[in-house]
Amino acid sequence: MSEPVRKSITVKAGVEHAFHVFTDEIDSWWPRTHHIGKSPISRVIVQGRAGGRCYSEQVDGTDCDWGSILLWDPPRRFVMAWQVDFAGRCFQPDLAKSSEVEVSFTPEADGQTRVDLEHRYFERHGEAAEMARAAHDSPMGWNGLLGMFAARAEKMEKEKQS
């Protein structure tokens, strides 16, 4: 069994706001370079419900699925299937061959939010398991993504207070 990738970041925003920015506002911070589609991204979408799709709308008018919501518990946490075939850089419809990402949001005493992310079950990706784990544990993986998310959440929080 592969070791999960675990990352945490503290965001200068309340838990409801942090959850909202991570999920409903994902298009405002998700990098356009992190994409498996055949056409550039026009919008990134996470459908906020169990069974919801995680996908990108592309400039050519098509959609590119990359995950699905397995558990939806706002504003505390959500779990999504990471349905990316790393060897082929395409969508993997078989959940048994998909890893999982759990993101939890914990209020801190000072009004901030600790965001904990665990990406697990890399072994489900078969021969690409170690490549997938290494990519997500790299500076341009979840470390970088959480930094982009936190910067956007904090900027939106400041704008809301102005």
N, C-alpha and C. Protein backbone atom coordinates (compact mmCIF):
# COMPACT_ATOMS: atom_id res chain seq x y z
N MET A 1 0.84 -1.18 0.00
CA MET A 1 0.00 0.00 0.00
C MET A 1 0.88 1.24 0.00
N SER A 2 0.59 2.19 -0.86
CA SER A 2 1.35 3.43 -0.96
C SER A 2 1.06 4.34 0.23
N GLU A 3 2.08 5.07 0.64
CA GLU A 3 1.91 6.06 1.70
C GLU A 3 1.09 7.23 1.15
N PRO A 4 0.07 7.69 1.89
CA PRO A 4 -0.70 8.85 1.43
C PRO A 4 0.16 10.11 1.41
N VAL A 5 -0.25 11.07 0.62
CA VAL A 5 0.34 12.41 0.65
C VAL A 5 -0.55 13.23 1.57
N ARG A 6 0.05 13.81 2.60
CA ARG A 6 -0.69 14.62 3.57
C ARG A 6 -0.10 16.02 3.58
N LYS A 7 -0.97 17.01 3.45
CA LYS A 7 -0.56 18.42 3.46
C LYS A 7 -1.54 19.20 4.31
N SER A 8 -1.06 20.26 4.94
CA SER A 8 -1.90 21.15 5.74
C SER A 8 -1.49 22.59 5.48
N ILE A 9 -2.47 23.47 5.60
CA ILE A 9 -2.21 24.90 5.49
C ILE A 9 -3.22 25.62 6.36
N THR A 10 -2.82 26.74 6.92
CA THR A 10 -3.74 27.57 7.70
C THR A 10 -4.10 28.79 6.87
N VAL A 11 -5.39 29.05 6.79
CA VAL A 11 -5.92 30.14 5.97
C VAL A 11 -6.51 31.21 6.87
N LYS A 12 -6.21 32.46 6.57
CA LYS A 12 -6.74 33.59 7.33
C LYS A 12 -8.15 33.89 6.86
N ALA A 13 -9.06 32.97 7.18
CA ALA A 13 -10.47 33.09 6.81
C ALA A 13 -11.25 32.07 7.62
N GLY A 14 -12.55 32.31 7.75
CA GLY A 14 -13.41 31.38 8.46
C GLY A 14 -13.60 30.08 7.70
N VAL A 15 -14.07 29.07 8.40
CA VAL A 15 -14.21 27.74 7.82
C VAL A 15 -15.21 27.71 6.65
N GLU A 16 -16.34 28.40 6.78
CA GLU A 16 -17.33 28.40 5.70
C GLU A 16 -16.76 29.03 4.44
N HIS A 17 -16.04 30.14 4.62
CA HIS A 17 -15.43 30.82 3.48
C HIS A 17 -14.36 29.95 2.84
N ALA A 18 -13.52 29.32 3.66
CA ALA A 18 -12.46 28.47 3.12
C ALA A 18 -13.05 27.30 2.32
N PHE A 19 -14.07 26.66 2.86
CA PHE A 19 -14.72 25.55 2.14
C PHE A 19 -15.30 26.05 0.82
N HIS A 20 -15.97 27.18 0.86
CA HIS A 20 -16.59 27.76 -0.34
C HIS A 20 -15.55 28.05 -1.42
N VAL A 21 -14.43 28.66 -1.03
CA VAL A 21 -13.40 28.99 -2.03
C VAL A 21 -12.77 27.73 -2.59
N PHE A 22 -12.54 26.74 -1.75
CA PHE A 22 -11.92 25.51 -2.25
C PHE A 22 -12.82 24.80 -3.26
N THR A 23 -14.11 24.80 -3.03
CA THR A 23 -15.03 24.03 -3.86
C THR A 23 -15.75 24.89 -4.91
N ASP A 24 -16.58 25.82 -4.46
CA ASP A 24 -17.38 26.63 -5.39
C ASP A 24 -16.55 27.60 -6.21
N GLU A 25 -15.43 28.05 -5.66
CA GLU A 25 -14.59 29.03 -6.34
C GLU A 25 -13.31 28.41 -6.89
N ILE A 26 -13.27 27.10 -7.05
CA ILE A 26 -12.05 26.42 -7.50
C ILE A 26 -11.52 26.99 -8.82
N ASP A 27 -12.42 27.46 -9.66
CA ASP A 27 -11.99 28.03 -10.95
C ASP A 27 -11.14 29.29 -10.76
N SER A 28 -11.29 29.96 -9.63
CA SER A 28 -10.56 31.21 -9.42
C SER A 28 -9.11 30.98 -8.98
N TRP A 29 -8.75 29.76 -8.62
CA TRP A 29 -7.38 29.51 -8.16
C TRP A 29 -6.71 28.30 -8.80
N TRP A 30 -7.45 27.42 -9.42
CA TRP A 30 -6.86 26.21 -10.01
C TRP A 30 -6.03 26.59 -11.25
N PRO A 31 -4.77 26.17 -11.31
CA PRO A 31 -3.92 26.55 -12.45
C PRO A 31 -4.33 25.85 -13.74
N ARG A 32 -4.31 26.58 -14.81
CA ARG A 32 -4.71 26.04 -16.11
C ARG A 32 -3.74 24.97 -16.62
N THR A 33 -2.55 24.90 -16.03
CA THR A 33 -1.57 23.90 -16.43
C THR A 33 -1.89 22.51 -15.87
N HIS A 34 -2.70 22.44 -14.83
CA HIS A 34 -3.06 21.17 -14.19
C HIS A 34 -4.35 20.65 -14.82
N HIS A 35 -4.18 19.95 -15.93
CA HIS A 35 -5.34 19.61 -16.76
C HIS A 35 -5.02 18.39 -17.63
N ILE A 36 -5.97 17.51 -17.81
CA ILE A 36 -5.76 16.31 -18.64
C ILE A 36 -6.54 16.35 -19.95
N GLY A 37 -7.29 17.40 -20.19
CA GLY A 37 -8.12 17.49 -21.39
C GLY A 37 -7.32 17.73 -22.65
N LYS A 38 -7.98 17.62 -23.76
CA LYS A 38 -7.36 17.81 -25.08
C LYS A 38 -7.38 19.27 -25.52
N SER A 39 -8.20 20.08 -24.87
CA SER A 39 -8.35 21.48 -25.22
C SER A 39 -8.11 22.31 -23.95
N PRO A 40 -7.68 23.56 -24.06
CA PRO A 40 -7.47 24.38 -22.85
C PRO A 40 -8.75 24.54 -22.02
N ILE A 41 -8.53 24.76 -20.73
CA ILE A 41 -9.64 24.94 -19.78
C ILE A 41 -10.28 26.31 -19.96
N SER A 42 -11.61 26.34 -19.93
CA SER A 42 -12.31 27.61 -19.82
C SER A 42 -12.87 27.79 -18.41
N ARG A 43 -13.17 26.67 -17.72
CA ARG A 43 -13.71 26.76 -16.35
C ARG A 43 -13.55 25.42 -15.63
N VAL A 44 -13.22 25.46 -14.34
CA VAL A 44 -13.10 24.27 -13.50
C VAL A 44 -14.30 24.23 -12.56
N ILE A 45 -14.93 23.07 -12.44
CA ILE A 45 -16.18 22.95 -11.68
C ILE A 45 -16.14 21.75 -10.75
N VAL A 46 -16.57 21.96 -9.50
CA VAL A 46 -16.82 20.89 -8.54
C VAL A 46 -18.30 20.99 -8.19
N GLN A 47 -19.06 19.97 -8.53
CA GLN A 47 -20.49 19.97 -8.20
C GLN A 47 -20.65 19.57 -6.74
N GLY A 48 -21.19 20.48 -5.94
CA GLY A 48 -21.27 20.33 -4.50
C GLY A 48 -22.36 19.41 -4.01
N ARG A 49 -22.15 18.11 -4.17
CA ARG A 49 -23.07 17.09 -3.64
C ARG A 49 -22.44 15.73 -3.82
N ALA A 50 -22.82 14.78 -2.98
CA ALA A 50 -22.35 13.41 -3.17
C ALA A 50 -22.80 12.93 -4.54
N GLY A 51 -21.89 12.37 -5.30
CA GLY A 51 -22.18 11.96 -6.67
C GLY A 51 -21.90 13.05 -7.69
N GLY A 52 -21.57 14.26 -7.23
CA GLY A 52 -21.29 15.37 -8.15
C GLY A 52 -20.02 15.14 -8.94
N ARG A 53 -19.97 15.76 -10.09
CA ARG A 53 -18.81 15.66 -10.96
C ARG A 53 -17.76 16.70 -10.60
N CYS A 54 -16.50 16.37 -10.85
CA CYS A 54 -15.38 17.31 -10.82
C CYS A 54 -14.87 17.31 -12.25
N TYR A 55 -14.94 18.46 -12.90
CA TYR A 55 -14.61 18.48 -14.33
C TYR A 55 -14.21 19.86 -14.78
N SER A 56 -13.70 19.92 -15.99
CA SER A 56 -13.35 21.19 -16.62
C SER A 56 -14.16 21.36 -17.87
N GLU A 57 -14.69 22.56 -18.05
CA GLU A 57 -15.24 22.92 -19.35
C GLU A 57 -14.05 23.41 -20.17
N GLN A 58 -14.02 23.04 -21.43
CA GLN A 58 -12.88 23.37 -22.28
C GLN A 58 -13.28 24.37 -23.35
N VAL A 59 -12.30 25.08 -23.88
CA VAL A 59 -12.60 26.13 -24.85
C VAL A 59 -13.22 25.59 -26.13
N ASP A 60 -13.05 24.29 -26.42
CA ASP A 60 -13.67 23.72 -27.62
C ASP A 60 -15.12 23.30 -27.39
N GLY A 61 -15.66 23.59 -26.17
CA GLY A 61 -17.06 23.28 -25.87
C GLY A 61 -17.28 21.92 -25.23
N THR A 62 -16.23 21.12 -25.07
CA THR A 62 -16.37 19.81 -24.44
C THR A 62 -16.06 19.89 -22.95
N ASP A 63 -16.44 18.86 -22.23
CA ASP A 63 -16.12 18.73 -20.81
C ASP A 63 -15.05 17.66 -20.64
N CYS A 64 -14.25 17.81 -19.60
CA CYS A 64 -13.23 16.82 -19.26
C CYS A 64 -13.39 16.46 -17.79
N ASP A 65 -13.97 15.29 -17.52
CA ASP A 65 -14.11 14.81 -16.14
C ASP A 65 -12.73 14.45 -15.60
N TRP A 66 -12.53 14.66 -14.29
CA TRP A 66 -11.31 14.24 -13.62
C TRP A 66 -11.57 13.73 -12.21
N GLY A 67 -12.84 13.74 -11.78
CA GLY A 67 -13.15 13.22 -10.46
C GLY A 67 -14.63 13.22 -10.17
N SER A 68 -14.98 12.70 -9.00
CA SER A 68 -16.37 12.73 -8.55
C SER A 68 -16.39 12.81 -7.02
N ILE A 69 -17.44 13.43 -6.51
CA ILE A 69 -17.58 13.63 -5.07
C ILE A 69 -18.15 12.35 -4.44
N LEU A 70 -17.41 11.81 -3.48
CA LEU A 70 -17.83 10.60 -2.77
C LEU A 70 -18.55 10.94 -1.46
N LEU A 71 -18.12 12.01 -0.79
CA LEU A 71 -18.72 12.44 0.46
C LEU A 71 -18.75 13.96 0.48
N TRP A 72 -19.88 14.53 0.85
CA TRP A 72 -20.06 15.98 0.86
C TRP A 72 -20.61 16.38 2.22
N ASP A 73 -19.81 17.07 3.04
CA ASP A 73 -20.19 17.45 4.40
C ASP A 73 -19.74 18.88 4.69
N PRO A 74 -20.36 19.88 3.99
CA PRO A 74 -19.93 21.26 4.18
C PRO A 74 -20.31 21.78 5.57
N PRO A 75 -19.50 22.64 6.15
CA PRO A 75 -18.20 23.11 5.68
C PRO A 75 -17.04 22.33 6.29
N ARG A 76 -17.31 21.12 6.78
CA ARG A 76 -16.26 20.36 7.48
C ARG A 76 -15.32 19.60 6.56
N ARG A 77 -15.86 18.90 5.56
CA ARG A 77 -14.97 18.09 4.71
C ARG A 77 -15.70 17.60 3.48
N PHE A 78 -14.91 17.14 2.54
CA PHE A 78 -15.42 16.40 1.40
C PHE A 78 -14.36 15.39 0.97
N VAL A 79 -14.81 14.37 0.28
CA VAL A 79 -13.91 13.35 -0.27
C VAL A 79 -14.26 13.21 -1.74
N MET A 80 -13.22 13.20 -2.57
CA MET A 80 -13.47 13.01 -4.00
C MET A 80 -12.60 11.89 -4.54
N ALA A 81 -13.14 11.19 -5.52
CA ALA A 81 -12.35 10.22 -6.27
C ALA A 81 -11.50 11.01 -7.25
N TRP A 82 -10.21 10.73 -7.31
CA TRP A 82 -9.27 11.37 -8.23
C TRP A 82 -9.15 10.42 -9.41
N GLN A 83 -9.98 10.64 -10.42
CA GLN A 83 -10.16 9.70 -11.52
C GLN A 83 -9.27 10.04 -12.72
N VAL A 84 -7.98 10.10 -12.45
CA VAL A 84 -7.02 10.42 -13.50
C VAL A 84 -6.16 9.19 -13.76
N ASP A 85 -6.11 8.78 -15.01
CA ASP A 85 -5.20 7.71 -15.44
C ASP A 85 -3.87 8.40 -15.73
N PHE A 86 -2.91 8.20 -14.84
CA PHE A 86 -1.63 8.92 -14.96
C PHE A 86 -0.80 8.46 -16.14
N ALA A 87 -0.87 7.19 -16.45
CA ALA A 87 -0.08 6.69 -17.59
C ALA A 87 -0.60 7.29 -18.90
N GLY A 88 -1.90 7.36 -19.05
CA GLY A 88 -2.50 7.86 -20.29
C GLY A 88 -2.89 9.33 -20.25
N ARG A 89 -2.74 9.96 -19.07
CA ARG A 89 -3.16 11.35 -18.88
C ARG A 89 -4.58 11.59 -19.39
N CYS A 90 -5.50 10.76 -18.88
CA CYS A 90 -6.90 10.87 -19.28
C CYS A 90 -7.79 10.47 -18.10
N PHE A 91 -9.10 10.59 -18.28
CA PHE A 91 -10.09 10.25 -17.26
C PHE A 91 -10.15 8.74 -17.06
N GLN A 92 -10.23 8.33 -15.79
CA GLN A 92 -10.36 6.91 -15.44
C GLN A 92 -11.76 6.71 -14.84
N PRO A 93 -12.69 6.12 -15.58
CA PRO A 93 -14.06 5.99 -15.06
C PRO A 93 -14.22 4.94 -13.95
N ASP A 94 -13.27 4.03 -13.81
CA ASP A 94 -13.36 2.94 -12.83
C ASP A 94 -12.87 3.43 -11.46
N LEU A 95 -13.79 3.56 -10.50
CA LEU A 95 -13.43 4.04 -9.16
C LEU A 95 -12.41 3.13 -8.48
N ALA A 96 -12.41 1.85 -8.80
CA ALA A 96 -11.46 0.91 -8.22
C ALA A 96 -10.03 1.19 -8.67
N LYS A 97 -9.87 2.00 -9.73
CA LYS A 97 -8.54 2.36 -10.24
C LYS A 97 -8.24 3.84 -10.00
N SER A 98 -8.99 4.46 -9.08
CA SER A 98 -8.84 5.89 -8.79
C SER A 98 -8.40 6.09 -7.36
N SER A 99 -7.54 7.06 -7.13
CA SER A 99 -7.16 7.42 -5.77
C SER A 99 -8.25 8.33 -5.17
N GLU A 100 -8.08 8.69 -3.91
CA GLU A 100 -9.05 9.55 -3.23
C GLU A 100 -8.35 10.73 -2.60
N VAL A 101 -9.06 11.85 -2.57
CA VAL A 101 -8.58 13.05 -1.91
C VAL A 101 -9.63 13.46 -0.88
N GLU A 102 -9.20 13.56 0.39
CA GLU A 102 -10.07 14.06 1.45
C GLU A 102 -9.54 15.40 1.90
N VAL A 103 -10.42 16.39 1.97
CA VAL A 103 -10.04 17.72 2.41
C VAL A 103 -10.95 18.08 3.59
N SER A 104 -10.32 18.42 4.72
CA SER A 104 -11.10 18.79 5.90
C SER A 104 -10.74 20.22 6.33
N PHE A 105 -11.72 20.90 6.90
CA PHE A 105 -11.63 22.30 7.28
C PHE A 105 -11.95 22.41 8.76
N THR A 106 -10.96 22.86 9.56
CA THR A 106 -11.11 22.92 11.01
C THR A 106 -10.96 24.35 11.48
N PRO A 107 -11.98 24.89 12.15
CA PRO A 107 -11.86 26.26 12.67
C PRO A 107 -10.79 26.33 13.75
N GLU A 108 -10.01 27.39 13.70
CA GLU A 108 -8.99 27.65 14.71
C GLU A 108 -9.52 28.74 15.65
N ALA A 109 -8.97 28.83 16.83
CA ALA A 109 -9.45 29.76 17.86
C ALA A 109 -9.39 31.22 17.41
N ASP A 110 -8.48 31.56 16.52
CA ASP A 110 -8.29 32.96 16.11
C ASP A 110 -9.09 33.33 14.86
N GLY A 111 -10.06 32.51 14.49
CA GLY A 111 -10.89 32.81 13.32
C GLY A 111 -10.30 32.32 12.02
N GLN A 112 -9.14 31.71 12.08
CA GLN A 112 -8.54 31.12 10.89
C GLN A 112 -9.05 29.70 10.70
N THR A 113 -8.65 29.07 9.61
CA THR A 113 -9.07 27.70 9.32
C THR A 113 -7.86 26.86 8.95
N ARG A 114 -7.74 25.71 9.57
CA ARG A 114 -6.71 24.75 9.16
C ARG A 114 -7.32 23.82 8.12
N VAL A 115 -6.66 23.72 7.00
CA VAL A 115 -7.11 22.85 5.92
C VAL A 115 -6.14 21.68 5.84
N ASP A 116 -6.67 20.48 6.02
CA ASP A 116 -5.87 19.26 5.94
C ASP A 116 -6.31 18.47 4.73
N LEU A 117 -5.33 18.06 3.93
CA LEU A 117 -5.60 17.30 2.71
C LEU A 117 -4.86 15.98 2.79
N GLU A 118 -5.56 14.91 2.47
CA GLU A 118 -4.93 13.59 2.36
C GLU A 118 -5.30 12.99 1.01
N HIS A 119 -4.28 12.70 0.22
CA HIS A 119 -4.47 12.02 -1.07
C HIS A 119 -3.96 10.60 -0.86
N ARG A 120 -4.85 9.62 -1.02
CA ARG A 120 -4.55 8.24 -0.65
C ARG A 120 -4.93 7.24 -1.74
N TYR A 121 -4.52 6.00 -1.53
CA TYR A 121 -4.81 4.86 -2.41
C TYR A 121 -4.14 4.99 -3.78
N PHE A 122 -2.92 5.50 -3.79
CA PHE A 122 -2.18 5.62 -5.06
C PHE A 122 -1.97 4.26 -5.72
N GLU A 123 -1.90 3.19 -4.92
CA GLU A 123 -1.70 1.86 -5.49
C GLU A 123 -2.80 1.48 -6.48
N ARG A 124 -3.94 2.10 -6.40
CA ARG A 124 -5.03 1.83 -7.36
C ARG A 124 -4.66 2.28 -8.77
N HIS A 125 -3.64 3.12 -8.91
CA HIS A 125 -3.20 3.59 -10.23
C HIS A 125 -2.27 2.59 -10.91
N GLY A 126 -2.07 1.43 -10.30
CA GLY A 126 -1.27 0.39 -10.92
C GLY A 126 0.19 0.79 -11.08
N GLU A 127 0.74 0.54 -12.26
CA GLU A 127 2.16 0.81 -12.52
C GLU A 127 2.52 2.29 -12.38
N ALA A 128 1.54 3.17 -12.50
CA ALA A 128 1.79 4.61 -12.40
C ALA A 128 1.67 5.12 -10.96
N ALA A 129 1.51 4.22 -9.98
CA ALA A 129 1.26 4.63 -8.59
C ALA A 129 2.36 5.53 -8.03
N GLU A 130 3.60 5.14 -8.16
CA GLU A 130 4.68 5.94 -7.59
C GLU A 130 4.85 7.26 -8.33
N MET A 131 4.65 7.25 -9.65
CA MET A 131 4.71 8.48 -10.43
C MET A 131 3.62 9.45 -9.95
N ALA A 132 2.41 8.93 -9.74
CA ALA A 132 1.29 9.76 -9.28
C ALA A 132 1.56 10.32 -7.89
N ARG A 133 2.06 9.47 -7.00
CA ARG A 133 2.35 9.92 -5.64
C ARG A 133 3.43 11.00 -5.65
N ALA A 134 4.49 10.77 -6.39
CA ALA A 134 5.59 11.73 -6.46
C ALA A 134 5.11 13.08 -7.02
N ALA A 135 4.27 13.04 -8.05
CA ALA A 135 3.76 14.29 -8.65
C ALA A 135 2.93 15.08 -7.64
N HIS A 136 2.11 14.40 -6.88
CA HIS A 136 1.25 15.10 -5.91
C HIS A 136 1.99 15.55 -4.67
N ASP A 137 3.15 14.94 -4.40
CA ASP A 137 3.95 15.33 -3.25
C ASP A 137 5.02 16.36 -3.60
N SER A 138 5.07 16.76 -4.85
CA SER A 138 6.09 17.71 -5.33
C SER A 138 5.66 19.15 -5.04
N PRO A 139 6.60 20.10 -5.20
CA PRO A 139 6.25 21.51 -5.00
C PRO A 139 5.11 21.99 -5.90
N MET A 140 5.00 21.44 -7.11
CA MET A 140 3.90 21.84 -8.01
C MET A 140 2.66 20.97 -7.82
N GLY A 141 2.73 20.03 -6.87
CA GLY A 141 1.57 19.21 -6.53
C GLY A 141 0.71 19.90 -5.49
N TRP A 142 0.31 19.15 -4.46
CA TRP A 142 -0.61 19.70 -3.47
C TRP A 142 -0.02 20.86 -2.68
N ASN A 143 1.31 20.89 -2.48
CA ASN A 143 1.91 22.05 -1.80
C ASN A 143 1.58 23.34 -2.54
N GLY A 144 1.87 23.36 -3.82
CA GLY A 144 1.61 24.55 -4.62
C GLY A 144 0.13 24.86 -4.74
N LEU A 145 -0.67 23.83 -4.93
CA LEU A 145 -2.12 24.04 -5.07
C LEU A 145 -2.73 24.62 -3.80
N LEU A 146 -2.33 24.09 -2.65
CA LEU A 146 -2.86 24.63 -1.39
C LEU A 146 -2.41 26.08 -1.19
N GLY A 147 -1.21 26.41 -1.60
CA GLY A 147 -0.75 27.79 -1.51
C GLY A 147 -1.58 28.72 -2.38
N MET A 148 -1.90 28.28 -3.60
CA MET A 148 -2.74 29.08 -4.50
C MET A 148 -4.14 29.26 -3.93
N PHE A 149 -4.68 28.17 -3.39
CA PHE A 149 -6.01 28.22 -2.76
C PHE A 149 -6.00 29.21 -1.60
N ALA A 150 -5.02 29.10 -0.69
CA ALA A 150 -4.97 29.96 0.49
C ALA A 150 -4.85 31.43 0.10
N ALA A 151 -4.01 31.73 -0.88
CA ALA A 151 -3.84 33.12 -1.33
C ALA A 151 -5.17 33.67 -1.86
N ARG A 152 -5.88 32.87 -2.63
CA ARG A 152 -7.17 33.32 -3.18
C ARG A 152 -8.21 33.49 -2.08
N ALA A 153 -8.27 32.54 -1.15
CA ALA A 153 -9.25 32.62 -0.05
C ALA A 153 -9.00 33.86 0.80
N GLU A 154 -7.73 34.14 1.10
CA GLU A 154 -7.41 35.30 1.92
C GLU A 154 -7.70 36.60 1.19
N LYS A 155 -7.40 36.64 -0.12
CA LYS A 155 -7.71 37.84 -0.90
C LYS A 155 -9.21 38.09 -0.95
N MET A 156 -10.00 37.05 -1.18
CA MET A 156 -11.45 37.20 -1.23
C MET A 156 -12.00 37.60 0.15
N GLU A 157 -11.41 37.09 1.21
CA GLU A 157 -11.84 37.46 2.57
C GLU A 157 -11.58 38.93 2.83
N LYS A 158 -10.41 39.44 2.43
CA LYS A 158 -10.10 40.87 2.60
C LYS A 158 -11.06 41.73 1.79
N GLU A 159 -11.35 41.32 0.54
CA GLU A 159 -12.28 42.08 -0.30
C GLU A 159 -13.67 42.11 0.31
N LYS A 160 -14.07 41.01 0.91
CA LYS A 160 -15.39 40.93 1.54
C LYS A 160 -15.48 41.88 2.73
N GLN A 161 -14.39 42.07 3.45
CA GLN A 161 -14.37 42.92 4.63
C GLN A 161 -14.21 44.39 4.30
N SER A 162 -13.80 44.72 3.07
CA SER A 162 -13.58 46.13 2.69
C SER A 162 -14.88 46.84 2.40
